[in-house]
């Protein structure tokens, strides 16, 4: 009877240790997501030309976003 209780307690403790270790590893891997300043600048630059309909227009002489129909604007395709 005592042997059975020891096995149950040991198995419960082992499952708890495995669950805590797995949870800690997931938490640690999710909290380390960070972009460098260059990465953030690239994301902002890529997103700056997005429009509601998905069309992008760029002035290739100044490399700035512009509205369709303006002088020197062309699609960003």
Foldseek 3Di string as FASTA:
>chain_A
DVVVVVVVVVVVVVVVVVVVVVVVVVVVVVVPDDDDPVVVVVVCLVPQQQDPVRWGKAQVVVRDTDDPPDPSIDTPD
